[in-house]
Amino acid sequence: MPLLRLSAAFGLDPERADPAPADLRVVIVTAGEDRIGLVVDEILEVSEMIIKPAPALLKGNKAFAGATILSDGQSALILNPGGLI
């Protein structure tokens, strides 16, 4: 299964050293029959949420499915696994 580092996909922390393989946190996502492992820095929480359509600024960006408002009032973008694959 291919692994995708989200920090590399979005151009974040290019100077940061890769963690040792034993320290990787991987989230497995599927889109249809395709699967990919997303390497993440940390998993903050698992929750159910209502996804609103992506704002006009993100239309055409296949990496994001939409946005949501978190319980603390902050907004968060929702990744589109199919767009990342």
PDB file of N, CA and C in Angstrom:
ATOM      1  N   MET A   1       0.858  -1.168   0.000  1.00  0.00           N
ATOM      2  CA  MET A   1       0.000   0.000   0.000  1.00  0.00           C
ATOM      3  C   MET A   1       0.904   1.231   0.000  1.00  0.00           C
ATOM      4  N   PRO A   2       0.609   2.187  -0.878  1.00  0.00           N
ATOM      5  CA  PRO A   2       1.422   3.409  -0.897  1.00  0.00           C
ATOM      6  C   PRO A   2       1.164   4.264   0.348  1.00  0.00           C
ATOM      7  N   LEU A   3       2.210   4.948   0.798  1.00  0.00           N
ATOM      8  CA  LEU A   3       2.107   5.886   1.921  1.00  0.00           C
ATOM      9  C   LEU A   3       2.275   7.298   1.397  1.00  0.00           C
ATOM     10  N   LEU A   4       1.477   8.212   1.901  1.00  0.00           N
ATOM     11  CA  LEU A   4       1.573   9.622   1.546  1.00  0.00           C
ATOM     12  C   LEU A   4       1.752  10.415   2.833  1.00  0.00           C
ATOM     13  N   ARG A   5       2.821  11.173   2.900  1.00  0.00           N
ATOM     14  CA  ARG A   5       3.045  12.058   4.055  1.00  0.00           C
ATOM     15  C   ARG A   5       2.292  13.357   3.795  1.00  0.00           C
ATOM     16  N   LEU A   6       1.317  13.638   4.639  1.00  0.00           N
ATOM     17  CA  LEU A   6       0.513  14.844   4.438  1.00  0.00           C
ATOM     18  C   LEU A   6       1.370  16.095   4.500  1.00  0.00           C
ATOM     19  N   SER A   7       2.375  16.121   5.373  1.00  0.00           N
ATOM     20  CA  SER A   7       3.234  17.299   5.457  1.00  0.00           C
ATOM     21  C   SER A   7       3.942  17.547   4.128  1.00  0.00           C
ATOM     22  N   ALA A   8       4.356  16.492   3.442  1.00  0.00           N
ATOM     23  CA  ALA A   8       5.013  16.652   2.145  1.00  0.00           C
ATOM     24  C   ALA A   8       3.992  17.032   1.069  1.00  0.00           C
ATOM     25  N   ALA A   9       2.809  16.433   1.116  1.00  0.00           N
ATOM     26  CA  ALA A   9       1.780  16.713   0.108  1.00  0.00           C
ATOM     27  C   ALA A   9       1.366  18.180   0.108  1.00  0.00           C
ATOM     28  N   PHE A  10       1.397  18.806   1.290  1.00  0.00           N
ATOM     29  CA  PHE A  10       0.975  20.204   1.400  1.00  0.00           C
ATOM     30  C   PHE A  10       2.150  21.161   1.581  1.00  0.00           C
ATOM     31  N   GLY A  11       3.380  20.661   1.416  1.00  0.00           N
ATOM     32  CA  GLY A  11       4.563  21.513   1.493  1.00  0.00           C
ATOM     33  C   GLY A  11       4.832  22.080   2.872  1.00  0.00           C
ATOM     34  N   LEU A  12       4.534  21.327   3.916  1.00  0.00           N
ATOM     35  CA  LEU A  12       4.746  21.788   5.288  1.00  0.00           C
ATOM     36  C   LEU A  12       6.014  21.173   5.877  1.00  0.00           C
ATOM     37  N   ASP A  13       6.738  21.919   6.659  1.00  0.00           N
ATOM     38  CA  ASP A  13       7.929  21.454   7.372  1.00  0.00           C
ATOM     39  C   ASP A  13       8.892  20.651   6.503  1.00  0.00           C
ATOM     40  N   PRO A  14       9.394  21.222   5.405  1.00  0.00           N
ATOM     41  CA  PRO A  14      10.318  20.461   4.557  1.00  0.00           C
ATOM     42  C   PRO A  14      11.625  20.112   5.261  1.00  0.00           C
ATOM     43  N   GLU A  15      11.996  20.872   6.287  1.00  0.00           N
ATOM     44  CA  GLU A  15      13.244  20.635   7.012  1.00  0.00           C
ATOM     45  C   GLU A  15      13.105  19.521   8.039  1.00  0.00           C
ATOM     46  N   ARG A  16      11.900  19.161   8.368  1.00  0.00           N
ATOM     47  CA  ARG A  16      11.655  18.208   9.431  1.00  0.00           C
ATOM     48  C   ARG A  16      12.145  16.817   9.045  1.00  0.00           C
ATOM     49  N   ALA A  17      12.840  16.164   9.975  1.00  0.00           N
ATOM     50  CA  ALA A  17      13.342  14.815   9.716  1.00  0.00           C
ATOM     51  C   ALA A  17      12.196  13.814   9.786  1.00  0.00           C
ATOM     52  N   ASP A  18      12.251  12.816   8.937  1.00  0.00           N
ATOM     53  CA  ASP A  18      11.231  11.767   8.967  1.00  0.00           C
ATOM     54  C   ASP A  18      11.376  10.951  10.234  1.00  0.00           C
ATOM     55  N   PRO A  19      10.250  10.563  10.852  1.00  0.00           N
ATOM     56  CA  PRO A  19      10.331   9.721  12.038  1.00  0.00           C
ATOM     57  C   PRO A  19      10.798   8.321  11.661  1.00  0.00           C
ATOM     58  N   ALA A  20      11.322   7.615  12.643  1.00  0.00           N
ATOM     59  CA  ALA A  20      11.716   6.226  12.418  1.00  0.00           C
ATOM     60  C   ALA A  20      10.470   5.424  12.065  1.00  0.00           C
ATOM     61  N   PRO A  21      10.607   4.373  11.244  1.00  0.00           N
ATOM     62  CA  PRO A  21       9.425   3.601  10.831  1.00  0.00           C
ATOM     63  C   PRO A  21       8.551   3.133  11.992  1.00  0.00           C
ATOM     64  N   ALA A  22       9.122   2.822  13.124  1.00  0.00           N
ATOM     65  CA  ALA A  22       8.327   2.358  14.270  1.00  0.00           C
ATOM     66  C   ALA A  22       7.482   3.481  14.865  1.00  0.00           C
ATOM     67  N   ASP A  23       7.844   4.732  14.567  1.00  0.00           N
ATOM     68  CA  ASP A  23       7.140   5.880  15.138  1.00  0.00           C
ATOM     69  C   ASP A  23       6.072   6.462  14.219  1.00  0.00           C
ATOM     70  N   LEU A  24       5.858   5.851  13.065  1.00  0.00           N
ATOM     71  CA  LEU A  24       4.879   6.391  12.120  1.00  0.00           C
ATOM     72  C   LEU A  24       3.457   6.205  12.628  1.00  0.00           C
ATOM     73  N   ARG A  25       2.634   7.221  12.399  1.00  0.00           N
ATOM     74  CA  ARG A  25       1.190   7.128  12.636  1.00  0.00           C
ATOM     75  C   ARG A  25       0.552   7.149  11.257  1.00  0.00           C
ATOM     76  N   VAL A  26      -0.147   6.098  10.914  1.00  0.00           N
ATOM     77  CA  VAL A  26      -0.717   5.964   9.582  1.00  0.00           C
ATOM     78  C   VAL A  26      -2.222   5.781   9.693  1.00  0.00           C
ATOM     79  N   VAL A  27      -2.958   6.569   8.912  1.00  0.00           N
ATOM     80  CA  VAL A  27      -4.404   6.442   8.815  1.00  0.00           C
ATOM     81  C   VAL A  27      -4.686   5.832   7.446  1.00  0.00           C
ATOM     82  N   ILE A  28      -5.358   4.682   7.447  1.00  0.00           N
ATOM     83  CA  ILE A  28      -5.685   4.006   6.193  1.00  0.00           C
ATOM     84  C   ILE A  28      -7.024   4.536   5.695  1.00  0.00           C
ATOM     85  N   VAL A  29      -7.041   5.026   4.462  1.00  0.00           N
ATOM     86  CA  VAL A  29      -8.283   5.531   3.868  1.00  0.00           C
ATOM     87  C   VAL A  29      -8.533   4.808   2.551  1.00  0.00           C
ATOM     88  N   THR A  30      -9.796   4.719   2.195  1.00  0.00           N
ATOM     89  CA  THR A  30     -10.167   4.082   0.935  1.00  0.00           C
ATOM     90  C   THR A  30     -11.043   5.022   0.120  1.00  0.00           C
ATOM     91  N   ALA A  31     -10.927   4.889  -1.172  1.00  0.00           N
ATOM     92  CA  ALA A  31     -11.787   5.610  -2.111  1.00  0.00           C
ATOM     93  C   ALA A  31     -12.110   4.612  -3.209  1.00  0.00           C
ATOM     94  N   GLY A  32     -13.312   4.080  -3.181  1.00  0.00           N
ATOM     95  CA  GLY A  32     -13.660   3.009  -4.107  1.00  0.00           C
ATOM     96  C   GLY A  32     -12.827   1.781  -3.777  1.00  0.00           C
ATOM     97  N   GLU A  33     -12.068   1.311  -4.728  1.00  0.00           N
ATOM     98  CA  GLU A  33     -11.211   0.139  -4.509  1.00  0.00           C
ATOM     99  C   GLU A  33      -9.782   0.536  -4.166  1.00  0.00           C
ATOM    100  N   ASP A  34      -9.473   1.812  -4.224  1.00  0.00           N
ATOM    101  CA  ASP A  34      -8.123   2.292  -3.934  1.00  0.00           C
ATOM    102  C   ASP A  34      -7.939   2.499  -2.436  1.00  0.00           C
ATOM    103  N   ARG A  35      -6.723   2.184  -1.961  1.00  0.00           N
ATOM    104  CA  ARG A  35      -6.374   2.416  -0.556  1.00  0.00           C
ATOM    105  C   ARG A  35      -5.042   3.134  -0.496  1.00  0.00           C
ATOM    106  N   ILE A  36      -4.899   3.955   0.517  1.00  0.00           N
ATOM    107  CA  ILE A  36      -3.647   4.675   0.728  1.00  0.00           C
ATOM    108  C   ILE A  36      -3.452   4.856   2.231  1.00  0.00           C
ATOM    109  N   GLY A  37      -2.214   4.882   2.657  1.00  0.00           N
ATOM    110  CA  GLY A  37      -1.894   5.165   4.051  1.00  0.00           C
ATOM    111  C   GLY A  37      -1.434   6.604   4.170  1.00  0.00           C
ATOM    112  N   LEU A  38      -2.124   7.399   4.964  1.00  0.00           N
ATOM    113  CA  LEU A  38      -1.739   8.797   5.185  1.00  0.00           C
ATOM    114  C   LEU A  38      -0.887   8.870   6.445  1.00  0.00           C
ATOM    115  N   VAL A  39       0.360   9.290   6.299  1.00  0.00           N
ATOM    116  CA  VAL A  39       1.251   9.443   7.445  1.00  0.00           C
ATOM    117  C   VAL A  39       0.952  10.800   8.071  1.00  0.00           C
ATOM    118  N   VAL A  40       0.559  10.798   9.341  1.00  0.00           N
ATOM    119  CA  VAL A  40       0.168  12.023  10.045  1.00  0.00           C
ATOM    120  C   VAL A  40       1.068  12.245  11.253  1.00  0.00           C
ATOM    121  N   ASP A  41       1.137  13.487  11.718  1.00  0.00           N
ATOM    122  CA  ASP A  41       1.928  13.811  12.908  1.00  0.00           C
ATOM    123  C   ASP A  41       1.267  13.283  14.170  1.00  0.00           C
ATOM    124  N   GLU A  42      -0.043  13.484  14.262  1.00  0.00           N
ATOM    125  CA  GLU A  42      -0.780  13.000  15.422  1.00  0.00           C
ATOM    126  C   GLU A  42      -2.257  12.925  15.099  1.00  0.00           C
ATOM    127  N   ILE A  43      -2.965  12.143  15.889  1.00  0.00           N
ATOM    128  CA  ILE A  43      -4.413  12.040  15.767  1.00  0.00           C
ATOM    129  C   ILE A  43      -4.990  12.714  16.999  1.00  0.00           C
ATOM    130  N   LEU A  44      -5.691  13.809  16.787  1.00  0.00           N
ATOM    131  CA  LEU A  44      -6.198  14.598  17.902  1.00  0.00           C
ATOM    132  C   LEU A  44      -7.442  13.982  18.521  1.00  0.00           C
ATOM    133  N   GLU A  45      -8.390  13.606  17.700  1.00  0.00           N
ATOM    134  CA  GLU A  45      -9.621  13.005  18.201  1.00  0.00           C
ATOM    135  C   GLU A  45     -10.395  12.413  17.036  1.00  0.00           C
ATOM    136  N   VAL A  46     -11.290  11.557  17.350  1.00  0.00           N
ATOM    137  CA  VAL A  46     -12.198  10.996  16.358  1.00  0.00           C
ATOM    138  C   VAL A  46     -13.583  11.521  16.703  1.00  0.00           C
ATOM    139  N   SER A  47     -14.270  12.073  15.718  1.00  0.00           N
ATOM    140  CA  SER A  47     -15.589  12.626  16.001  1.00  0.00           C
ATOM    141  C   SER A  47     -16.463  12.584  14.755  1.00  0.00           C
ATOM    142  N   GLU A  48     -17.757  12.686  14.988  1.00  0.00           N
ATOM    143  CA  GLU A  48     -18.703  12.815  13.883  1.00  0.00           C
ATOM    144  C   GLU A  48     -18.937  14.295  13.654  1.00  0.00           C
ATOM    145  N   MET A  49     -19.112  14.666  12.399  1.00  0.00           N
ATOM    146  CA  MET A  49     -19.311  16.077  12.111  1.00  0.00           C
ATOM    147  C   MET A  49     -20.144  16.254  10.848  1.00  0.00           C
ATOM    148  N   ILE A  50     -20.666  17.422  10.704  1.00  0.00           N
ATOM    149  CA  ILE A  50     -21.410  17.797   9.504  1.00  0.00           C
ATOM    150  C   ILE A  50     -20.438  18.515   8.583  1.00  0.00           C
ATOM    151  N   ILE A  51     -20.364  18.046   7.355  1.00  0.00           N
ATOM    152  CA  ILE A  51     -19.448  18.653   6.387  1.00  0.00           C
ATOM    153  C   ILE A  51     -20.226  19.602   5.495  1.00  0.00           C
ATOM    154  N   LYS A  52     -19.744  20.833   5.436  1.00  0.00           N
ATOM    155  CA  LYS A  52     -20.325  21.837   4.549  1.00  0.00           C
ATOM    156  C   LYS A  52     -19.509  21.842   3.255  1.00  0.00           C
ATOM    157  N   PRO A  53     -20.124  22.179   2.125  1.00  0.00           N
ATOM    158  CA  PRO A  53     -19.378  22.216   0.869  1.00  0.00           C
ATOM    159  C   PRO A  53     -18.145  23.110   0.978  1.00  0.00           C
ATOM    160  N   ALA A  54     -17.136  22.799   0.178  1.00  0.00           N
ATOM    161  CA  ALA A  54     -15.898  23.575   0.195  1.00  0.00           C
ATOM    162  C   ALA A  54     -16.176  25.031  -0.171  1.00  0.00           C
ATOM    163  N   PRO A  55     -15.510  25.972   0.499  1.00  0.00           N
ATOM    164  CA  PRO A  55     -15.674  27.384   0.149  1.00  0.00           C
ATOM    165  C   PRO A  55     -15.184  27.644  -1.277  1.00  0.00           C
ATOM    166  N   ALA A  56     -15.647  28.720  -1.878  1.00  0.00           N
ATOM    167  CA  ALA A  56     -15.299  29.057  -3.260  1.00  0.00           C
ATOM    168  C   ALA A  56     -13.788  29.088  -3.467  1.00  0.00           C
ATOM    169  N   LEU A  57     -13.042  29.496  -2.452  1.00  0.00           N
ATOM    170  CA  LEU A  57     -11.589  29.575  -2.545  1.00  0.00           C
ATOM    171  C   LEU A  57     -10.969  28.208  -2.847  1.00  0.00           C
ATOM    172  N   LEU A  58     -11.635  27.129  -2.397  1.00  0.00           N
ATOM    173  CA  LEU A  58     -11.088  25.780  -2.583  1.00  0.00           C
ATOM    174  C   LEU A  58     -11.729  25.003  -3.724  1.00  0.00           C
ATOM    175  N   LYS A  59     -12.685  25.581  -4.418  1.00  0.00           N
ATOM    176  CA  LYS A  59     -13.296  24.888  -5.553  1.00  0.00           C
ATOM    177  C   LYS A  59     -12.196  24.550  -6.559  1.00  0.00           C
ATOM    178  N   GLY A  60     -12.183  23.357  -7.050  1.00  0.00           N
ATOM    179  CA  GLY A  60     -11.150  22.942  -7.985  1.00  0.00           C
ATOM    180  C   GLY A  60      -9.941  22.312  -7.316  1.00  0.00           C
ATOM    181  N   ASN A  61      -9.824  22.438  -5.992  1.00  0.00           N
ATOM    182  CA  ASN A  61      -8.749  21.773  -5.258  1.00  0.00           C
ATOM    183  C   ASN A  61      -9.278  20.415  -4.828  1.00  0.00           C
ATOM    184  N   LYS A  62      -8.799  19.353  -5.440  1.00  0.00           N
ATOM    185  CA  LYS A  62      -9.340  18.023  -5.193  1.00  0.00           C
ATOM    186  C   LYS A  62      -8.935  17.438  -3.848  1.00  0.00           C
ATOM    187  N   ALA A  63      -8.004  18.055  -3.144  1.00  0.00           N
ATOM    188  CA  ALA A  63      -7.535  17.517  -1.870  1.00  0.00           C
ATOM    189  C   ALA A  63      -8.533  17.738  -0.727  1.00  0.00           C
ATOM    190  N   PHE A  64      -9.469  18.689  -0.887  1.00  0.00           N
ATOM    191  CA  PHE A  64     -10.403  19.009   0.188  1.00  0.00           C
ATOM    192  C   PHE A  64     -11.839  18.759  -0.234  1.00  0.00           C
ATOM    193  N   ALA A  65     -12.610  18.127   0.670  1.00  0.00           N
ATOM    194  CA  ALA A  65     -14.013  17.820   0.397  1.00  0.00           C
ATOM    195  C   ALA A  65     -14.937  18.925   0.870  1.00  0.00           C
ATOM    196  N   GLY A  66     -14.515  19.668   1.878  1.00  0.00           N
ATOM    197  CA  GLY A  66     -15.360  20.711   2.441  1.00  0.00           C
ATOM    198  C   GLY A  66     -14.770  21.226   3.734  1.00  0.00           C
ATOM    199  N   ALA A  67     -15.628  21.746   4.592  1.00  0.00           N
ATOM    200  CA  ALA A  67     -15.193  22.327   5.858  1.00  0.00           C
ATOM    201  C   ALA A  67     -16.228  22.018   6.930  1.00  0.00           C
ATOM    202  N   THR A  68     -15.835  22.184   8.175  1.00  0.00           N
ATOM    203  CA  THR A  68     -16.750  21.978   9.290  1.00  0.00           C
ATOM    204  C   THR A  68     -16.375  22.934  10.416  1.00  0.00           C
ATOM    205  N   ILE A  69     -17.277  23.091  11.355  1.00  0.00           N
ATOM    206  CA  ILE A  69     -17.019  23.879  12.561  1.00  0.00           C
ATOM    207  C   ILE A  69     -16.818  22.899  13.712  1.00  0.00           C
ATOM    208  N   LEU A  70     -15.694  23.006  14.406  1.00  0.00           N
ATOM    209  CA  LEU A  70     -15.381  22.113  15.517  1.00  0.00           C
ATOM    210  C   LEU A  70     -16.125  22.547  16.779  1.00  0.00           C
ATOM    211  N   SER A  71     -16.127  21.684  17.784  1.00  0.00           N
ATOM    212  CA  SER A  71     -16.870  21.967  19.018  1.00  0.00           C
ATOM    213  C   SER A  71     -16.361  23.213  19.736  1.00  0.00           C
ATOM    214  N   ASP A  72     -15.098  23.592  19.511  1.00  0.00           N
ATOM    215  CA  ASP A  72     -14.560  24.792  20.156  1.00  0.00           C
ATOM    216  C   ASP A  72     -14.762  26.051  19.310  1.00  0.00           C
ATOM    217  N   GLY A  73     -15.494  25.918  18.181  1.00  0.00           N
ATOM    218  CA  GLY A  73     -15.794  27.067  17.344  1.00  0.00           C
ATOM    219  C   GLY A  73     -14.820  27.290  16.198  1.00  0.00           C
ATOM    220  N   GLN A  74     -13.705  26.573  16.186  1.00  0.00           N
ATOM    221  CA  GLN A  74     -12.746  26.722  15.096  1.00  0.00           C
ATOM    222  C   GLN A  74     -13.256  26.003  13.857  1.00  0.00           C
ATOM    223  N   SER A  75     -12.823  26.483  12.703  1.00  0.00           N
ATOM    224  CA  SER A  75     -13.186  25.792  11.466  1.00  0.00           C
ATOM    225  C   SER A  75     -12.047  24.860  11.075  1.00  0.00           C
ATOM    226  N   ALA A  76     -12.386  23.809  10.340  1.00  0.00           N
ATOM    227  CA  ALA A  76     -11.397  22.830   9.893  1.00  0.00           C
ATOM    228  C   ALA A  76     -11.755  22.371   8.487  1.00  0.00           C
ATOM    229  N   LEU A  77     -10.741  22.167   7.677  1.00  0.00           N
ATOM    230  CA  LEU A  77     -10.931  21.628   6.332  1.00  0.00           C
ATOM    231  C   LEU A  77     -11.009  20.121   6.413  1.00  0.00           C
ATOM    232  N   ILE A  78     -11.828  19.520   5.557  1.00  0.00           N
ATOM    233  CA  ILE A  78     -11.990  18.077   5.505  1.00  0.00           C
ATOM    234  C   ILE A  78     -11.271  17.550   4.273  1.00  0.00           C
ATOM    235  N   LEU A  79     -10.338  16.621   4.477  1.00  0.00           N
ATOM    236  CA  LEU A  79      -9.614  16.031   3.358  1.00  0.00           C
ATOM    237  C   LEU A  79     -10.513  15.136   2.523  1.00  0.00           C
ATOM    238  N   ASN A  80     -10.239  15.093   1.246  1.00  0.00           N
ATOM    239  CA  ASN A  80     -10.932  14.222   0.313  1.00  0.00           C
ATOM    240  C   ASN A  80      -9.989  13.075  -0.046  1.00  0.00           C
ATOM    241  N   PRO A  81     -10.173  11.890   0.538  1.00  0.00           N
ATOM    242  CA  PRO A  81      -9.237  10.791   0.261  1.00  0.00           C
ATOM    243  C   PRO A  81      -9.106  10.484  -1.231  1.00  0.00           C
ATOM    244  N   GLY A  82     -10.218  10.534  -1.972  1.00  0.00           N
ATOM    245  CA  GLY A  82     -10.151  10.282  -3.406  1.00  0.00           C
ATOM    246  C   GLY A  82      -9.265  11.269  -4.136  1.00  0.00           C
ATOM    247  N   GLY A  83      -9.300  12.520  -3.722  1.00  0.00           N
ATOM    248  CA  GLY A  83      -8.462  13.543  -4.340  1.00  0.00           C
ATOM    249  C   GLY A  83      -6.998  13.369  -4.007  1.00  0.00           C
ATOM    250  N   LEU A  84      -6.697  12.812  -2.840  1.00  0.00           N
ATOM    251  CA  LEU A  84      -5.312  12.564  -2.451  1.00  0.00           C
ATOM    252  C   LEU A  84      -4.746  11.344  -3.155  1.00  0.00           C
ATOM    253  N   ILE A  85      -5.615  10.357  -3.411  1.00  0.00           N
ATOM    254  CA  ILE A  85      -5.143   9.136  -4.059  1.00  0.00           C
ATOM    255  C   ILE A  85      -4.842   9.439  -5.506  1.00  0.00           C
TER     256      ILE A  85
END
